[in-house]
Protein backbone atom coordinates (compact mmCIF):
# COMPACT_ATOMS: atom_id res chain seq x y z
CA MET A 1 8.47 27.39 -9.48
CA ARG A 2 5.96 24.58 -8.93
CA PRO A 3 3.05 26.95 -7.97
CA ALA A 4 3.66 28.97 -11.14
CA LEU A 5 3.59 25.77 -13.18
CA LEU A 6 0.31 24.77 -11.51
CA GLN A 7 -1.20 28.15 -12.35
CA LEU A 8 0.02 27.92 -15.92
CA PHE A 9 -1.81 24.65 -16.49
CA ASN A 10 -4.67 25.47 -14.06
CA ASP A 11 -3.95 22.24 -12.20
CA ASN A 12 -5.83 21.92 -8.90
CA TYR A 13 -4.15 18.64 -7.91
CA LEU A 14 -1.20 18.37 -5.58
CA ASN A 15 0.86 15.24 -5.03
CA TYR A 16 1.66 14.05 -1.56
CA THR A 17 3.15 10.97 0.04
CA PRO A 18 1.15 9.48 2.92
CA ASP A 19 3.05 8.23 5.96
CA CYS A 20 3.64 4.51 5.77
CA SER A 21 4.69 1.73 8.09
CA LEU A 22 5.50 -1.89 7.32
CA GLU A 23 4.94 -4.89 9.57
CA GLU A 24 5.73 -8.57 9.29
CA THR A 25 3.89 -11.36 11.08
CA GLU A 26 4.38 -15.11 10.92
CA LYS A 27 1.82 -15.40 8.11
CA SER A 28 1.83 -12.04 6.31
CA PHE A 29 3.32 -8.68 5.49
CA LYS A 30 1.32 -5.53 6.26
CA VAL A 31 1.47 -2.08 4.72
CA LEU A 32 -0.23 0.67 6.74
CA LEU A 33 -0.84 4.06 5.10
CA ASP A 34 -2.18 7.18 6.79
CA VAL A 35 -4.90 8.43 4.43
CA PRO A 36 -7.19 10.70 6.50
CA GLY A 37 -10.11 12.16 4.60
CA ILE A 38 -9.84 9.72 1.71
CA LYS A 39 -12.81 7.47 0.98
CA LYS A 40 -12.34 3.83 0.01
CA GLU A 41 -13.94 4.59 -3.38
CA ASP A 42 -11.03 6.96 -4.08
CA ILE A 43 -8.31 4.36 -3.41
CA SER A 44 -7.04 1.78 -5.88
CA ILE A 45 -4.87 -1.22 -4.98
CA GLU A 46 -3.28 -3.39 -7.67
CA VAL A 47 -0.73 -6.18 -7.80
CA ASN A 48 1.08 -6.55 -11.11
CA ASN A 49 4.44 -8.20 -11.87
CA ASN A 50 5.32 -8.55 -8.15
CA MET A 51 4.59 -4.85 -7.59
CA LEU A 52 1.96 -3.60 -5.13
CA VAL A 53 0.66 -0.22 -6.32
CA ILE A 54 -1.61 1.91 -4.12
CA THR A 55 -3.06 5.12 -5.55
CA GLY A 56 -5.57 7.53 -4.11
CA GLU A 57 -7.19 10.90 -4.36
CA ARG A 58 -8.68 13.28 -1.81
CA LYS A 59 -11.16 15.77 -3.21
CA GLY A 60 -12.01 19.03 -1.53
CA ALA A 61 -10.83 22.64 -1.41
CA LYS A 62 -7.40 21.24 -2.28
CA ASN A 63 -7.21 18.04 -4.26
CA TYR A 64 -4.43 15.60 -3.41
CA THR A 65 -3.26 12.51 -5.23
CA PHE A 66 -0.74 9.90 -4.19
CA GLU A 67 0.90 6.75 -5.48
CA ARG A 68 2.97 4.31 -3.44
CA LYS A 69 4.74 1.30 -4.93
CA PHE A 70 6.17 -1.69 -3.10
CA ARG A 71 8.15 -4.49 -4.72
CA LEU A 72 6.90 -7.86 -3.51
CA GLY A 73 9.61 -10.48 -3.24
CA ASP A 74 9.20 -14.19 -3.79
CA GLN A 75 8.11 -14.53 -0.15
CA ALA A 76 4.77 -12.83 -0.91
CA SER A 77 1.78 -14.66 -2.34
CA GLU A 78 -0.92 -13.23 -4.56
CA ASP A 79 -3.42 -13.18 -1.66
CA VAL A 80 -4.03 -9.54 -0.70
CA LEU A 81 -6.63 -8.14 1.70
CA ALA A 82 -7.30 -4.46 2.41
CA SER A 83 -9.29 -2.50 4.96
CA LEU A 84 -9.80 1.18 5.77
CA SER A 85 -10.49 2.28 9.34
CA ASP A 86 -10.09 5.67 11.06
CA GLY A 87 -8.01 7.07 8.21
CA VAL A 88 -5.57 4.15 8.10
CA LEU A 89 -5.44 1.86 5.07
CA THR A 90 -4.16 -1.61 5.94
CA VAL A 91 -3.03 -3.88 3.11
CA GLU A 92 -2.16 -7.42 4.16
CA ILE A 93 -0.17 -9.65 1.81
CA SER A 94 -0.05 -13.34 2.73
CA LYS A 95 3.34 -15.04 2.75
CA SER A 96 3.93 -17.82 0.29
CA GLU A 97 4.06 -21.33 1.74
CA LYS A 98 7.82 -21.55 1.28
CA ALA A 99 8.31 -18.32 3.28
CA LYS A 100 6.28 -19.40 6.33
CA ALA A 101 8.19 -20.62 9.35
CA ARG A 102 7.84 -24.32 9.98
CA ARG A 103 9.23 -26.80 12.44
CA ILE A 104 11.57 -29.50 11.12
CA GLU A 105 11.49 -32.84 12.89
CA ILE A 106 14.76 -34.62 13.41
CA ALA A 107 14.78 -38.27 12.42
CA VAL A 108 16.57 -40.82 14.59
CA ALA A 109 19.15 -42.73 12.59
């Protein structure tokens, strides 16, 4: 049914969901997306209302679009860095100061 709908509206865009993995380090959270063939100019990353939204588009014989959303908890800060290398988009979100591990000294009474 979907191909017929695409033909009806002459839509050349297909949605897909890139593979994703999540990592946590002492200082940050990382989102890694497999986006082979997509240029950095065709990717958008936004943070709005504690929501990380990543959208992208691959243009070619078949056009693909995607959107991934991740809710950021109160452990995440607003500091976000992104890089694209060998078809993998890495988005690193710094942890807030209250979420970072810290050593507590014990006072002698």
